[in-house]
Amino acid sequence: MAKRRTNKEWQTLFEKYQSSHLSQRVFCERNELSLSTFYAKRQQLQTTESANISGFVKAEVVEKTTRYQ
């Protein structure tokens, strides 16, 4: 049976993949990962990260400091 990994474990694997400079296929073979699962989980985590970005910036209201004539 395949090992279940947490999102944090997958994130660590993706970071290792980025620094390995290997192809996805070779990286998956060396780490005993299913290539299709690697693709799917990578897409899932990227989608989740994109959804967490709200697009809003917190604004602070300050007191008016100048007078208009």
C-alpha atoms as a PDB file:
ATOM      1  CA  MET A   1       0.000   0.000   0.000  1.00  0.00           C
ATOM      2  CA  ALA A   2       1.220   3.494  -0.861  1.00  0.00           C
ATOM      3  CA  LYS A   3       2.341   5.814   1.904  1.00  0.00           C
ATOM      4  CA  ARG A   4      -0.020   8.668   2.752  1.00  0.00           C
ATOM      5  CA  ARG A   5       1.735  12.024   2.956  1.00  0.00           C
ATOM      6  CA  THR A   6       0.590  15.284   4.511  1.00  0.00           C
ATOM      7  CA  ASN A   7       0.501  18.515   2.508  1.00  0.00           C
ATOM      8  CA  LYS A   8       3.584  19.642   4.438  1.00  0.00           C
ATOM      9  CA  GLU A   9       5.449  16.483   3.399  1.00  0.00           C
ATOM     10  CA  TRP A  10       4.432  17.063  -0.237  1.00  0.00           C
ATOM     11  CA  GLN A  11       5.577  20.681  -0.036  1.00  0.00           C
ATOM     12  CA  THR A  12       8.959  19.483   1.243  1.00  0.00           C
ATOM     13  CA  LEU A  13       9.180  16.986  -1.627  1.00  0.00           C
ATOM     14  CA  PHE A  14       8.400  19.712  -4.179  1.00  0.00           C
ATOM     15  CA  GLU A  15      11.116  21.920  -2.682  1.00  0.00           C
ATOM     16  CA  LYS A  16      13.586  19.019  -2.921  1.00  0.00           C
ATOM     17  CA  TYR A  17      12.508  18.459  -6.526  1.00  0.00           C
ATOM     18  CA  GLN A  18      13.132  22.127  -7.390  1.00  0.00           C
ATOM     19  CA  SER A  19      16.639  22.039  -5.944  1.00  0.00           C
ATOM     20  CA  SER A  20      17.480  18.630  -7.457  1.00  0.00           C
ATOM     21  CA  HIS A  21      17.520  19.833 -11.101  1.00  0.00           C
ATOM     22  CA  LEU A  22      16.203  16.395 -12.099  1.00  0.00           C
ATOM     23  CA  SER A  23      13.319  15.706 -14.435  1.00  0.00           C
ATOM     24  CA  GLN A  24      10.044  14.928 -12.695  1.00  0.00           C
ATOM     25  CA  ARG A  25      10.200  11.345 -13.924  1.00  0.00           C
ATOM     26  CA  VAL A  26      13.710  10.732 -12.544  1.00  0.00           C
ATOM     27  CA  PHE A  27      12.917  12.481  -9.259  1.00  0.00           C
ATOM     28  CA  CYS A  28       9.798  10.348  -8.795  1.00  0.00           C
ATOM     29  CA  GLU A  29      11.678   7.134  -9.601  1.00  0.00           C
ATOM     30  CA  ARG A  30      14.438   7.951  -7.111  1.00  0.00           C
ATOM     31  CA  ASN A  31      11.933   8.826  -4.393  1.00  0.00           C
ATOM     32  CA  GLU A  32       9.549   5.949  -5.162  1.00  0.00           C
ATOM     33  CA  LEU A  33       6.693   8.287  -6.097  1.00  0.00           C
ATOM     34  CA  SER A  34       3.966   7.777  -8.643  1.00  0.00           C
ATOM     35  CA  LEU A  35       4.475  10.325 -11.426  1.00  0.00           C
ATOM     36  CA  SER A  36       0.720  10.822 -11.846  1.00  0.00           C
ATOM     37  CA  THR A  37       0.292  11.415  -8.107  1.00  0.00           C
ATOM     38  CA  PHE A  38       3.209  13.859  -8.179  1.00  0.00           C
ATOM     39  CA  TYR A  39       1.522  15.843 -10.981  1.00  0.00           C
ATOM     40  CA  ALA A  40      -1.894  15.781  -9.307  1.00  0.00           C
ATOM     41  CA  LYS A  41      -0.661  16.766  -5.850  1.00  0.00           C
ATOM     42  CA  ARG A  42       1.507  19.557  -7.258  1.00  0.00           C
ATOM     43  CA  GLN A  43      -1.487  20.985  -9.138  1.00  0.00           C
ATOM     44  CA  GLN A  44      -3.695  20.640  -6.065  1.00  0.00           C
ATOM     45  CA  LEU A  45      -1.260  22.514  -3.812  1.00  0.00           C
ATOM     46  CA  GLN A  46      -0.731  25.284  -6.387  1.00  0.00           C
ATOM     47  CA  THR A  47      -4.501  25.730  -6.681  1.00  0.00           C
ATOM     48  CA  THR A  48      -4.858  25.841  -2.899  1.00  0.00           C
ATOM     49  CA  GLU A  49      -2.121  28.472  -2.590  1.00  0.00           C
ATOM     50  CA  SER A  50      -3.750  30.591  -5.304  1.00  0.00           C
ATOM     51  CA  ALA A  51      -7.103  30.418  -3.512  1.00  0.00           C
ATOM     52  CA  ASN A  52      -5.517  31.709  -0.296  1.00  0.00           C
ATOM     53  CA  ILE A  53      -4.492  34.949  -2.001  1.00  0.00           C
ATOM     54  CA  SER A  54      -7.390  37.349  -1.481  1.00  0.00           C
ATOM     55  CA  GLY A  55      -6.268  40.160  -3.780  1.00  0.00           C
ATOM     56  CA  PHE A  56      -7.042  42.749  -1.120  1.00  0.00           C
ATOM     57  CA  VAL A  57      -4.584  44.985   0.684  1.00  0.00           C
ATOM     58  CA  LYS A  58      -5.227  46.303   4.164  1.00  0.00           C
ATOM     59  CA  ALA A  59      -5.591  50.093   4.108  1.00  0.00           C
ATOM     60  CA  GLU A  60      -5.203  52.365   7.090  1.00  0.00           C
ATOM     61  CA  VAL A  61      -7.277  55.545   7.349  1.00  0.00           C
ATOM     62  CA  VAL A  62      -5.280  58.507   8.634  1.00  0.00           C
ATOM     63  CA  GLU A  63      -6.436  61.893   9.849  1.00  0.00           C
ATOM     64  CA  LYS A  64      -6.518  64.662   7.250  1.00  0.00           C
ATOM     65  CA  THR A  65      -3.371  66.782   7.654  1.00  0.00           C
ATOM     66  CA  THR A  66      -3.961  69.616   5.156  1.00  0.00           C
ATOM     67  CA  ARG A  67      -6.734  72.149   4.671  1.00  0.00           C
ATOM     68  CA  TYR A  68      -8.260  72.945   1.354  1.00  0.00           C
ATOM     69  CA  GLN A  69      -8.935  76.623   0.622  1.00  0.00           C
END
